[in-house]
């Protein structure tokens, strides 16, 4: 069995995978590969899949699989799996770091210190007592909620597929979730239904000029609507780790907004998470080998 590591994983992964067959990072051997491991960079399109004549399994190291044409893969008898639990802590910690940075004006005061300014008059706000709305309440959002509760926040959530949560009060609609929120953290998959869900109509439902944190999928936010809301002050800040493409196009509207915090899609890039992804990937291969699927 030939296993192709197509994207960047922990350096220990090739050695771990050798128990199951030959391991390569040579993309030129795609046609020979039985198993392909990807993260975000590799796009497993129809053309990519057609080029992999021996392919039996695609493992996406991460949560979503929107960079994989999973329906086409399944039609070709190819198994598609991901590692949904591995990234939860890493992404949740970044989401919370982005959230806590805004009311503490960390970027502003840091840049001020570098420029020789002593911005002692900057007034901070506390997270304590504020309301956090989670859009999506999967593994990552649950970890965010746990941290928010530890900070004394009220947590509400909307998820089309979840009716109850031990860490959040579930709301019947997305509008109900954001209406009284001070902070909104987005953890939605990218689908036809969620694309551009945070748009002018939803922004109108927000009563408190909330801070928006997006570590889910960039296109779930309508960029033009968000820029306008930031300019008008109906949204107070937008912090994001995700974009329509990696990296975003130079003309992506939010790059030029003054009221944004931007990180280069590093949510899953903790050393610990990369190790967990490797462990989950090996567990998937082990399960399928023992089950006779590989």
C-alpha atoms as a PDB file:
ATOM      1  CA  UNK A   1       0.000   0.000   0.000  1.00  0.00           C
ATOM      2  CA  UNK A   2       1.300   3.465  -0.947  1.00  0.00           C
ATOM      3  CA  UNK A   3       0.397   6.370   1.340  1.00  0.00           C
ATOM      4  CA  UNK A   4       0.832   9.892  -0.034  1.00  0.00           C
ATOM      5  CA  UNK A   5       1.191  12.747   2.456  1.00  0.00           C
ATOM      6  CA  UNK A   6       0.032  15.637   0.285  1.00  0.00           C
ATOM      7  CA  UNK A   7       0.137  18.546   2.753  1.00  0.00           C
ATOM      8  CA  UNK A   8       2.090  19.644   5.832  1.00  0.00           C
ATOM      9  CA  UNK A   9       1.698  17.385   8.874  1.00  0.00           C
ATOM     10  CA  UNK A  10       3.913  16.738  11.881  1.00  0.00           C
ATOM     11  CA  UNK A  11       7.366  15.443  10.949  1.00  0.00           C
ATOM     12  CA  UNK A  12       6.715  12.270  12.950  1.00  0.00           C
ATOM     13  CA  UNK A  13       3.832  11.153  10.722  1.00  0.00           C
ATOM     14  CA  UNK A  14       5.786   9.371   7.940  1.00  0.00           C
ATOM     15  CA  UNK A  15       7.454   7.080  10.470  1.00  0.00           C
ATOM     16  CA  UNK A  16       4.110   6.339  12.118  1.00  0.00           C
ATOM     17  CA  UNK A  17       2.541   5.415   8.780  1.00  0.00           C
ATOM     18  CA  UNK A  18       5.323   3.056   7.745  1.00  0.00           C
ATOM     19  CA  UNK A  19       3.586   0.304   9.712  1.00  0.00           C
ATOM     20  CA  UNK A  20       0.905   0.284   6.995  1.00  0.00           C
ATOM     21  CA  UNK A  21       2.975   0.516   3.821  1.00  0.00           C
ATOM     22  CA  UNK A  22       5.276   2.734   1.797  1.00  0.00           C
ATOM     23  CA  UNK A  23       5.031   6.451   2.576  1.00  0.00           C
ATOM     24  CA  UNK A  24       5.819   9.245   0.134  1.00  0.00           C
ATOM     25  CA  UNK A  25       5.479  13.005  -0.095  1.00  0.00           C
ATOM     26  CA  UNK A  26       6.092  12.973  -3.863  1.00  0.00           C
ATOM     27  CA  UNK A  27       2.974  14.388  -5.542  1.00  0.00           C
ATOM     28  CA  UNK A  28       4.164  12.862  -8.791  1.00  0.00           C
ATOM     29  CA  UNK A  29       3.166   9.460  -7.396  1.00  0.00           C
ATOM     30  CA  UNK A  30      -0.497  10.347  -6.945  1.00  0.00           C
ATOM     31  CA  UNK A  31      -1.547   7.827  -9.595  1.00  0.00           C
ATOM     32  CA  UNK A  32      -0.019   5.016  -7.515  1.00  0.00           C
ATOM     33  CA  UNK A  33      -1.372   6.079  -4.130  1.00  0.00           C
ATOM     34  CA  UNK A  34      -3.861   3.938  -2.231  1.00  0.00           C
ATOM     35  CA  UNK A  35      -4.241   6.510   0.552  1.00  0.00           C
ATOM     36  CA  UNK A  36      -3.899  10.306   0.426  1.00  0.00           C
ATOM     37  CA  UNK A  37      -3.606  12.547   3.486  1.00  0.00           C
ATOM     38  CA  UNK A  38      -4.533  16.200   2.956  1.00  0.00           C
ATOM     39  CA  UNK A  39      -5.216  19.282   5.036  1.00  0.00           C
ATOM     40  CA  UNK A  40      -6.449  22.537   3.446  1.00  0.00           C
ATOM     41  CA  UNK A  41      -3.993  23.177   0.633  1.00  0.00           C
ATOM     42  CA  UNK A  42      -4.707  20.148  -1.544  1.00  0.00           C
ATOM     43  CA  UNK A  43      -8.044  20.347  -3.369  1.00  0.00           C
ATOM     44  CA  UNK A  44      -9.414  16.882  -4.091  1.00  0.00           C
ATOM     45  CA  UNK A  45     -11.458  17.831  -7.120  1.00  0.00           C
ATOM     46  CA  UNK A  46     -12.964  15.470  -9.673  1.00  0.00           C
ATOM     47  CA  UNK A  47      -9.839  15.901 -11.807  1.00  0.00           C
ATOM     48  CA  UNK A  48      -7.562  15.186  -8.840  1.00  0.00           C
ATOM     49  CA  UNK A  49      -9.516  12.061  -7.960  1.00  0.00           C
ATOM     50  CA  UNK A  50      -9.491  10.865 -11.572  1.00  0.00           C
ATOM     51  CA  UNK A  51      -5.705  11.200 -11.533  1.00  0.00           C
ATOM     52  CA  UNK A  52      -5.468   8.825  -8.560  1.00  0.00           C
ATOM     53  CA  UNK A  53      -6.283   5.522 -10.242  1.00  0.00           C
ATOM     54  CA  UNK A  54      -5.552   3.344  -7.187  1.00  0.00           C
ATOM     55  CA  UNK A  55      -7.065   5.613  -4.561  1.00  0.00           C
ATOM     56  CA  UNK A  56      -9.133   3.934  -1.836  1.00  0.00           C
ATOM     57  CA  UNK A  57      -9.033   6.435   1.022  1.00  0.00           C
ATOM     58  CA  UNK A  58      -8.733  10.207   1.478  1.00  0.00           C
ATOM     59  CA  UNK A  59      -8.073  11.465   4.999  1.00  0.00           C
ATOM     60  CA  UNK A  60      -8.571  15.166   5.663  1.00  0.00           C
ATOM     61  CA  UNK A  61      -6.534  16.254   8.671  1.00  0.00           C
ATOM     62  CA  UNK A  62      -9.053  18.661  10.148  1.00  0.00           C
ATOM     63  CA  UNK A  63     -12.765  19.219  10.575  1.00  0.00           C
ATOM     64  CA  UNK A  64     -14.428  20.177   7.291  1.00  0.00           C
ATOM     65  CA  UNK A  65     -14.165  18.293   4.016  1.00  0.00           C
ATOM     66  CA  UNK A  66     -15.217  21.095   1.654  1.00  0.00           C
ATOM     67  CA  UNK A  67     -11.862  20.860  -0.153  1.00  0.00           C
ATOM     68  CA  UNK A  68     -12.837  17.318  -1.176  1.00  0.00           C
ATOM     69  CA  UNK A  69     -15.468  16.413  -3.773  1.00  0.00           C
ATOM     70  CA  UNK A  70     -16.733  13.785  -1.375  1.00  0.00           C
ATOM     71  CA  UNK A  71     -19.780  12.788  -3.416  1.00  0.00           C
ATOM     72  CA  UNK A  72     -17.646  12.106  -6.478  1.00  0.00           C
ATOM     73  CA  UNK A  73     -15.098  10.242  -4.361  1.00  0.00           C
ATOM     74  CA  UNK A  74     -17.829   8.025  -2.925  1.00  0.00           C
ATOM     75  CA  UNK A  75     -19.178   7.357  -6.416  1.00  0.00           C
ATOM     76  CA  UNK A  76     -15.730   5.987  -7.262  1.00  0.00           C
ATOM     77  CA  UNK A  77     -15.730   3.759  -4.177  1.00  0.00           C
ATOM     78  CA  UNK A  78     -13.248   5.980  -2.323  1.00  0.00           C
ATOM     79  CA  UNK A  79     -13.663   6.360   1.442  1.00  0.00           C
ATOM     80  CA  UNK A  80     -13.474   9.939   2.761  1.00  0.00           C
ATOM     81  CA  UNK A  81     -12.668  10.505   6.443  1.00  0.00           C
ATOM     82  CA  UNK A  82     -11.579  13.446   8.560  1.00  0.00           C
ATOM     83  CA  UNK A  83     -10.201  14.029  12.062  1.00  0.00           C
ATOM     84  CA  UNK A  84     -12.958  16.120  13.689  1.00  0.00           C
ATOM     85  CA  UNK A  85     -11.835  15.860  17.305  1.00  0.00           C
ATOM     86  CA  UNK A  86      -8.115  16.514  16.870  1.00  0.00           C
ATOM     87  CA  UNK A  87      -8.382  20.223  16.055  1.00  0.00           C
ATOM     88  CA  UNK A  88     -11.012  21.210  18.610  1.00  0.00           C
ATOM     89  CA  UNK A  89      -8.701  22.547  21.327  1.00  0.00           C
ATOM     90  CA  UNK A  90      -6.302  24.325  18.977  1.00  0.00           C
ATOM     91  CA  UNK A  91      -9.012  26.167  17.038  1.00  0.00           C
ATOM     92  CA  UNK A  92     -11.048  26.932  20.157  1.00  0.00           C
ATOM     93  CA  UNK A  93      -8.019  28.498  21.833  1.00  0.00           C
ATOM     94  CA  UNK A  94      -7.360  30.709  18.805  1.00  0.00           C
ATOM     95  CA  UNK A  95     -11.029  31.731  18.639  1.00  0.00           C
ATOM     96  CA  UNK A  96     -10.908  32.664  22.308  1.00  0.00           C
ATOM     97  CA  UNK A  97      -7.590  34.470  21.891  1.00  0.00           C
ATOM     98  CA  UNK A  98      -9.096  36.562  19.093  1.00  0.00           C
ATOM     99  CA  UNK A  99     -12.165  37.271  21.213  1.00  0.00           C
ATOM    100  CA  UNK A 100     -10.238  38.346  24.291  1.00  0.00           C
ATOM    101  CA  UNK A 101      -7.814  40.486  22.276  1.00  0.00           C
ATOM    102  CA  UNK A 102     -10.543  42.854  21.072  1.00  0.00           C
ATOM    103  CA  UNK A 103     -11.936  44.289  24.347  1.00  0.00           C
ATOM    104  CA  UNK A 104      -8.390  44.503  25.697  1.00  0.00           C
ATOM    105  CA  UNK A 105      -7.201  46.465  22.623  1.00  0.00           C
ATOM    106  CA  UNK A 106      -4.091  44.286  22.538  1.00  0.00           C
ATOM    107  CA  UNK A 107      -3.076  45.109  18.965  1.00  0.00           C
ATOM    108  CA  UNK A 108      -3.637  48.837  19.435  1.00  0.00           C
ATOM    109  CA  UNK A 109      -1.655  49.136  22.668  1.00  0.00           C
ATOM    110  CA  UNK A 110       1.122  46.820  21.441  1.00  0.00           C
ATOM    111  CA  UNK A 111       1.576  48.893  18.284  1.00  0.00           C
ATOM    112  CA  UNK A 112       1.439  52.022  20.419  1.00  0.00           C
ATOM    113  CA  UNK A 113       4.260  50.792  22.630  1.00  0.00           C
ATOM    114  CA  UNK A 114       6.348  49.960  19.561  1.00  0.00           C
ATOM    115  CA  UNK A 115       5.730  53.486  18.266  1.00  0.00           C
ATOM    116  CA  UNK A 116       6.712  55.091  21.563  1.00  0.00           C
ATOM    117  CA  UNK A 117       3.143  55.844  22.663  1.00  0.00           C
ATOM    118  CA  UNK A 118       2.000  55.279  26.256  1.00  0.00           C
ATOM    119  CA  UNK A 119      -1.729  54.600  25.698  1.00  0.00           C
ATOM    120  CA  UNK A 120      -2.629  54.506  29.372  1.00  0.00           C
ATOM    121  CA  UNK A 121      -6.031  56.117  28.716  1.00  0.00           C
ATOM    122  CA  UNK A 122      -7.276  53.135  26.709  1.00  0.00           C
ATOM    123  CA  UNK A 123     -10.319  51.692  28.473  1.00  0.00           C
ATOM    124  CA  UNK A 124     -10.704  47.904  28.453  1.00  0.00           C
ATOM    125  CA  UNK A 125     -13.913  45.895  28.638  1.00  0.00           C
ATOM    126  CA  UNK A 126     -14.402  42.592  30.420  1.00  0.00           C
ATOM    127  CA  UNK A 127     -15.806  39.396  28.952  1.00  0.00           C
ATOM    128  CA  UNK A 128     -17.411  38.655  32.316  1.00  0.00           C
ATOM    129  CA  UNK A 129     -21.192  38.960  32.137  1.00  0.00           C
ATOM    130  CA  UNK A 130     -21.265  39.340  28.361  1.00  0.00           C
ATOM    131  CA  UNK A 131     -23.273  37.133  26.000  1.00  0.00           C
ATOM    132  CA  UNK A 132     -21.524  34.903  23.482  1.00  0.00           C
ATOM    133  CA  UNK A 133     -23.522  33.481  20.578  1.00  0.00           C
ATOM    134  CA  UNK A 134     -22.130  30.412  18.856  1.00  0.00           C
ATOM    135  CA  UNK A 135     -23.192  29.693  15.294  1.00  0.00           C
ATOM    136  CA  UNK A 136     -22.685  25.931  15.119  1.00  0.00           C
ATOM    137  CA  UNK A 137     -22.138  23.859  18.266  1.00  0.00           C
ATOM    138  CA  UNK A 138     -19.822  21.032  17.243  1.00  0.00           C
ATOM    139  CA  UNK A 139     -16.547  19.940  18.829  1.00  0.00           C
ATOM    140  CA  UNK A 140     -14.755  23.274  18.431  1.00  0.00           C
ATOM    141  CA  UNK A 141     -17.645  25.504  19.474  1.00  0.00           C
ATOM    142  CA  UNK A 142     -18.219  23.324  22.539  1.00  0.00           C
ATOM    143  CA  UNK A 143     -14.624  23.955  23.613  1.00  0.00           C
ATOM    144  CA  UNK A 144     -15.119  27.699  23.058  1.00  0.00           C
ATOM    145  CA  UNK A 145     -18.275  27.561  25.183  1.00  0.00           C
ATOM    146  CA  UNK A 146     -16.442  25.811  28.019  1.00  0.00           C
ATOM    147  CA  UNK A 147     -13.850  28.582  28.065  1.00  0.00           C
ATOM    148  CA  UNK A 148     -16.485  31.305  27.880  1.00  0.00           C
ATOM    149  CA  UNK A 149     -18.369  29.823  30.825  1.00  0.00           C
ATOM    150  CA  UNK A 150     -15.132  29.794  32.813  1.00  0.00           C
ATOM    151  CA  UNK A 151     -14.897  33.544  32.119  1.00  0.00           C
ATOM    152  CA  UNK A 152     -18.404  34.081  33.454  1.00  0.00           C
ATOM    153  CA  UNK A 153     -20.064  34.649  30.089  1.00  0.00           C
ATOM    154  CA  UNK A 154     -23.593  33.690  29.100  1.00  0.00           C
ATOM    155  CA  UNK A 155     -23.528  31.299  26.141  1.00  0.00           C
ATOM    156  CA  UNK A 156     -26.264  30.801  23.571  1.00  0.00           C
ATOM    157  CA  UNK A 157     -26.049  28.873  20.315  1.00  0.00           C
ATOM    158  CA  UNK A 158     -27.793  28.062  17.070  1.00  0.00           C
ATOM    159  CA  UNK A 159     -27.273  24.831  15.185  1.00  0.00           C
ATOM    160  CA  UNK A 160     -29.773  23.440  12.710  1.00  0.00           C
ATOM    161  CA  UNK A 161     -28.901  19.885  13.729  1.00  0.00           C
ATOM    162  CA  UNK A 162     -28.589  20.258  17.513  1.00  0.00           C
ATOM    163  CA  UNK A 163     -31.526  20.765  19.882  1.00  0.00           C
ATOM    164  CA  UNK A 164     -29.769  20.598  23.265  1.00  0.00           C
ATOM    165  CA  UNK A 165     -26.298  21.340  24.592  1.00  0.00           C
ATOM    166  CA  UNK A 166     -24.797  21.015  28.091  1.00  0.00           C
ATOM    167  CA  UNK A 167     -22.761  24.198  27.561  1.00  0.00           C
ATOM    168  CA  UNK A 168     -25.150  26.561  25.759  1.00  0.00           C
ATOM    169  CA  UNK A 169     -28.765  27.635  25.642  1.00  0.00           C
ATOM    170  CA  UNK A 170     -30.010  26.615  22.199  1.00  0.00           C
ATOM    171  CA  UNK A 171     -31.894  29.235  20.202  1.00  0.00           C
ATOM    172  CA  UNK A 172     -34.550  28.435  17.574  1.00  0.00           C
ATOM    173  CA  UNK A 173     -33.098  30.599  14.789  1.00  0.00           C
ATOM    174  CA  UNK A 174     -29.792  32.189  13.894  1.00  0.00           C
ATOM    175  CA  UNK A 175     -31.432  35.616  14.281  1.00  0.00           C
ATOM    176  CA  UNK A 176     -32.493  34.747  17.831  1.00  0.00           C
ATOM    177  CA  UNK A 177     -28.936  33.667  18.634  1.00  0.00           C
ATOM    178  CA  UNK A 178     -27.257  36.913  17.563  1.00  0.00           C
ATOM    179  CA  UNK A 179     -29.951  39.372  18.649  1.00  0.00           C
ATOM    180  CA  UNK A 180     -28.627  40.073  22.157  1.00  0.00           C
ATOM    181  CA  UNK A 181     -25.054  38.883  21.645  1.00  0.00           C
ATOM    182  CA  UNK A 182     -22.008  40.924  22.597  1.00  0.00           C
ATOM    183  CA  UNK A 183     -19.791  38.412  20.790  1.00  0.00           C
ATOM    184  CA  UNK A 184     -20.545  35.968  17.989  1.00  0.00           C
ATOM    185  CA  UNK A 185     -18.206  33.061  17.258  1.00  0.00           C
ATOM    186  CA  UNK A 186     -18.740  31.286  13.932  1.00  0.00           C
ATOM    187  CA  UNK A 187     -18.201  27.537  13.583  1.00  0.00           C
ATOM    188  CA  UNK A 188     -20.295  26.658  10.536  1.00  0.00           C
ATOM    189  CA  UNK A 189     -19.400  24.326   7.668  1.00  0.00           C
ATOM    190  CA  UNK A 190     -19.523  25.866   4.209  1.00  0.00           C
ATOM    191  CA  UNK A 191     -22.694  24.800   2.425  1.00  0.00           C
ATOM    192  CA  UNK A 192     -25.113  26.436   0.010  1.00  0.00           C
ATOM    193  CA  UNK A 193     -27.220  27.307   3.051  1.00  0.00           C
ATOM    194  CA  UNK A 194     -24.431  28.840   5.158  1.00  0.00           C
ATOM    195  CA  UNK A 195     -22.563  30.706   2.400  1.00  0.00           C
ATOM    196  CA  UNK A 196     -22.938  34.424   3.132  1.00  0.00           C
ATOM    197  CA  UNK A 197     -25.198  33.718   6.115  1.00  0.00           C
ATOM    198  CA  UNK A 198     -23.679  36.633   8.017  1.00  0.00           C
ATOM    199  CA  UNK A 199     -25.012  39.348   5.744  1.00  0.00           C
ATOM    200  CA  UNK A 200     -26.939  42.607   5.958  1.00  0.00           C
ATOM    201  CA  UNK A 201     -30.169  40.870   6.977  1.00  0.00           C
ATOM    202  CA  UNK A 202     -28.529  39.096   9.928  1.00  0.00           C
ATOM    203  CA  UNK A 203     -26.544  42.175  10.916  1.00  0.00           C
ATOM    204  CA  UNK A 204     -29.851  44.065  11.228  1.00  0.00           C
ATOM    205  CA  UNK A 205     -30.874  41.567  13.924  1.00  0.00           C
ATOM    206  CA  UNK A 206     -27.875  42.454  16.113  1.00  0.00           C
ATOM    207  CA  UNK A 207     -28.823  44.919  18.836  1.00  0.00           C
ATOM    208  CA  UNK A 208     -25.482  45.296  20.621  1.00  0.00           C
ATOM    209  CA  UNK A 209     -22.883  46.059  17.919  1.00  0.00           C
ATOM    210  CA  UNK A 210     -21.209  42.683  18.547  1.00  0.00           C
ATOM    211  CA  UNK A 211     -17.676  41.514  17.915  1.00  0.00           C
ATOM    212  CA  UNK A 212     -17.645  38.738  15.292  1.00  0.00           C
ATOM    213  CA  UNK A 213     -15.037  35.958  15.458  1.00  0.00           C
ATOM    214  CA  UNK A 214     -14.767  33.572  12.527  1.00  0.00           C
ATOM    215  CA  UNK A 215     -12.634  30.428  12.737  1.00  0.00           C
ATOM    216  CA  UNK A 216     -15.081  28.381  10.660  1.00  0.00           C
ATOM    217  CA  UNK A 217     -15.249  29.238   6.971  1.00  0.00           C
ATOM    218  CA  UNK A 218     -14.513  32.637   5.404  1.00  0.00           C
ATOM    219  CA  UNK A 219     -17.316  32.627   2.818  1.00  0.00           C
ATOM    220  CA  UNK A 220     -19.936  32.231   5.575  1.00  0.00           C
ATOM    221  CA  UNK A 221     -19.477  35.997   6.013  1.00  0.00           C
ATOM    222  CA  UNK A 222     -20.537  38.345   3.239  1.00  0.00           C
ATOM    223  CA  UNK A 223     -17.438  40.527   3.069  1.00  0.00           C
ATOM    224  CA  UNK A 224     -19.070  43.614   1.550  1.00  0.00           C
ATOM    225  CA  UNK A 225     -21.856  43.569   4.148  1.00  0.00           C
ATOM    226  CA  UNK A 226     -19.319  43.172   6.950  1.00  0.00           C
ATOM    227  CA  UNK A 227     -17.159  46.076   5.724  1.00  0.00           C
ATOM    228  CA  UNK A 228     -20.222  48.322   5.544  1.00  0.00           C
ATOM    229  CA  UNK A 229     -21.342  47.275   9.037  1.00  0.00           C
ATOM    230  CA  UNK A 230     -17.872  47.994  10.443  1.00  0.00           C
ATOM    231  CA  UNK A 231     -17.853  51.425   8.810  1.00  0.00           C
ATOM    232  CA  UNK A 232     -21.312  52.231  10.143  1.00  0.00           C
ATOM    233  CA  UNK A 233     -20.564  50.818  13.598  1.00  0.00           C
ATOM    234  CA  UNK A 234     -23.371  48.260  13.618  1.00  0.00           C
ATOM    235  CA  UNK A 235     -20.642  45.627  14.055  1.00  0.00           C
ATOM    236  CA  UNK A 236     -17.852  46.803  16.341  1.00  0.00           C
ATOM    237  CA  UNK A 237     -15.058  44.439  15.232  1.00  0.00           C
ATOM    238  CA  UNK A 238     -14.370  41.441  12.996  1.00  0.00           C
ATOM    239  CA  UNK A 239     -11.648  38.929  13.882  1.00  0.00           C
ATOM    240  CA  UNK A 240     -10.973  36.086  11.474  1.00  0.00           C
ATOM    241  CA  UNK A 241      -8.606  33.230  10.722  1.00  0.00           C
ATOM    242  CA  UNK A 242     -10.446  32.117   7.570  1.00  0.00           C
ATOM    243  CA  UNK A 243     -10.911  33.515   4.083  1.00  0.00           C
ATOM    244  CA  UNK A 244     -12.454  32.624   0.711  1.00  0.00           C
ATOM    245  CA  UNK A 245      -8.994  31.427  -0.367  1.00  0.00           C
ATOM    246  CA  UNK A 246      -5.603  30.817   1.258  1.00  0.00           C
ATOM    247  CA  UNK A 247      -4.212  33.441   1.095  1.00  0.00           C
ATOM    248  CA  UNK A 248      -7.082  35.820   0.322  1.00  0.00           C
ATOM    249  CA  UNK A 249      -7.053  37.833  -2.876  1.00  0.00           C
ATOM    250  CA  UNK A 250      -5.349  41.242  -2.480  1.00  0.00           C
ATOM    251  CA  UNK A 251      -8.698  42.892  -3.244  1.00  0.00           C
ATOM    252  CA  UNK A 252     -10.563  41.003  -0.490  1.00  0.00           C
ATOM    253  CA  UNK A 253     -12.542  43.886   1.057  1.00  0.00           C
ATOM    254  CA  UNK A 254     -11.875  43.063   4.716  1.00  0.00           C
ATOM    255  CA  UNK A 255      -8.103  43.351   4.287  1.00  0.00           C
ATOM    256  CA  UNK A 256      -8.470  47.122   4.050  1.00  0.00           C
ATOM    257  CA  UNK A 257     -10.891  47.604   6.928  1.00  0.00           C
ATOM    258  CA  UNK A 258      -9.510  49.326  10.040  1.00  0.00           C
ATOM    259  CA  UNK A 259     -11.641  47.377  12.524  1.00  0.00           C
ATOM    260  CA  UNK A 260     -10.410  43.865  11.872  1.00  0.00           C
ATOM    261  CA  UNK A 261      -7.971  41.373  13.351  1.00  0.00           C
ATOM    262  CA  UNK A 262      -6.525  38.958  10.814  1.00  0.00           C
ATOM    263  CA  UNK A 263      -4.545  35.732  11.284  1.00  0.00           C
ATOM    264  CA  UNK A 264      -3.282  33.530   8.400  1.00  0.00           C
ATOM    265  CA  UNK A 265      -5.432  30.401   8.884  1.00  0.00           C
ATOM    266  CA  UNK A 266      -3.349  29.084  11.774  1.00  0.00           C
ATOM    267  CA  UNK A 267      -6.189  27.713  13.898  1.00  0.00           C
ATOM    268  CA  UNK A 268      -5.153  24.084  13.514  1.00  0.00           C
ATOM    269  CA  UNK A 269      -1.418  24.718  13.506  1.00  0.00           C
ATOM    270  CA  UNK A 270      -0.538  23.959  17.108  1.00  0.00           C
ATOM    271  CA  UNK A 271       2.215  21.402  17.571  1.00  0.00           C
ATOM    272  CA  UNK A 272      -0.044  19.371  19.831  1.00  0.00           C
ATOM    273  CA  UNK A 273      -2.865  19.339  17.292  1.00  0.00           C
ATOM    274  CA  UNK A 274      -0.631  18.142  14.467  1.00  0.00           C
ATOM    275  CA  UNK A 275       0.355  15.220  16.673  1.00  0.00           C
ATOM    276  CA  UNK A 276      -3.301  14.463  17.434  1.00  0.00           C
ATOM    277  CA  UNK A 277      -4.149  14.594  13.713  1.00  0.00           C
ATOM    278  CA  UNK A 278      -1.402  12.051  13.052  1.00  0.00           C
ATOM    279  CA  UNK A 279      -2.756   9.776  15.765  1.00  0.00           C
ATOM    280  CA  UNK A 280      -6.301  10.001  14.373  1.00  0.00           C
ATOM    281  CA  UNK A 281      -5.110   9.384  10.816  1.00  0.00           C
ATOM    282  CA  UNK A 282      -3.240   6.270  11.897  1.00  0.00           C
ATOM    283  CA  UNK A 283      -6.281   5.079  13.847  1.00  0.00           C
ATOM    284  CA  UNK A 284      -8.444   5.476  10.724  1.00  0.00           C
ATOM    285  CA  UNK A 285      -6.024   3.485   8.565  1.00  0.00           C
ATOM    286  CA  UNK A 286      -5.657   0.834  11.265  1.00  0.00           C
ATOM    287  CA  UNK A 287      -9.434   0.470  11.543  1.00  0.00           C
ATOM    288  CA  UNK A 288      -9.895   0.110   7.772  1.00  0.00           C
ATOM    289  CA  UNK A 289      -6.979  -2.289   7.371  1.00  0.00           C
ATOM    290  CA  UNK A 290      -8.317  -4.532  10.138  1.00  0.00           C
ATOM    291  CA  UNK A 291     -11.809  -4.283   8.639  1.00  0.00           C
ATOM    292  CA  UNK A 292     -10.543  -5.359   5.220  1.00  0.00           C
ATOM    293  CA  UNK A 293     -11.377  -2.081   3.466  1.00  0.00           C
ATOM    294  CA  UNK A 294      -7.700  -1.427   2.643  1.00  0.00           C
END
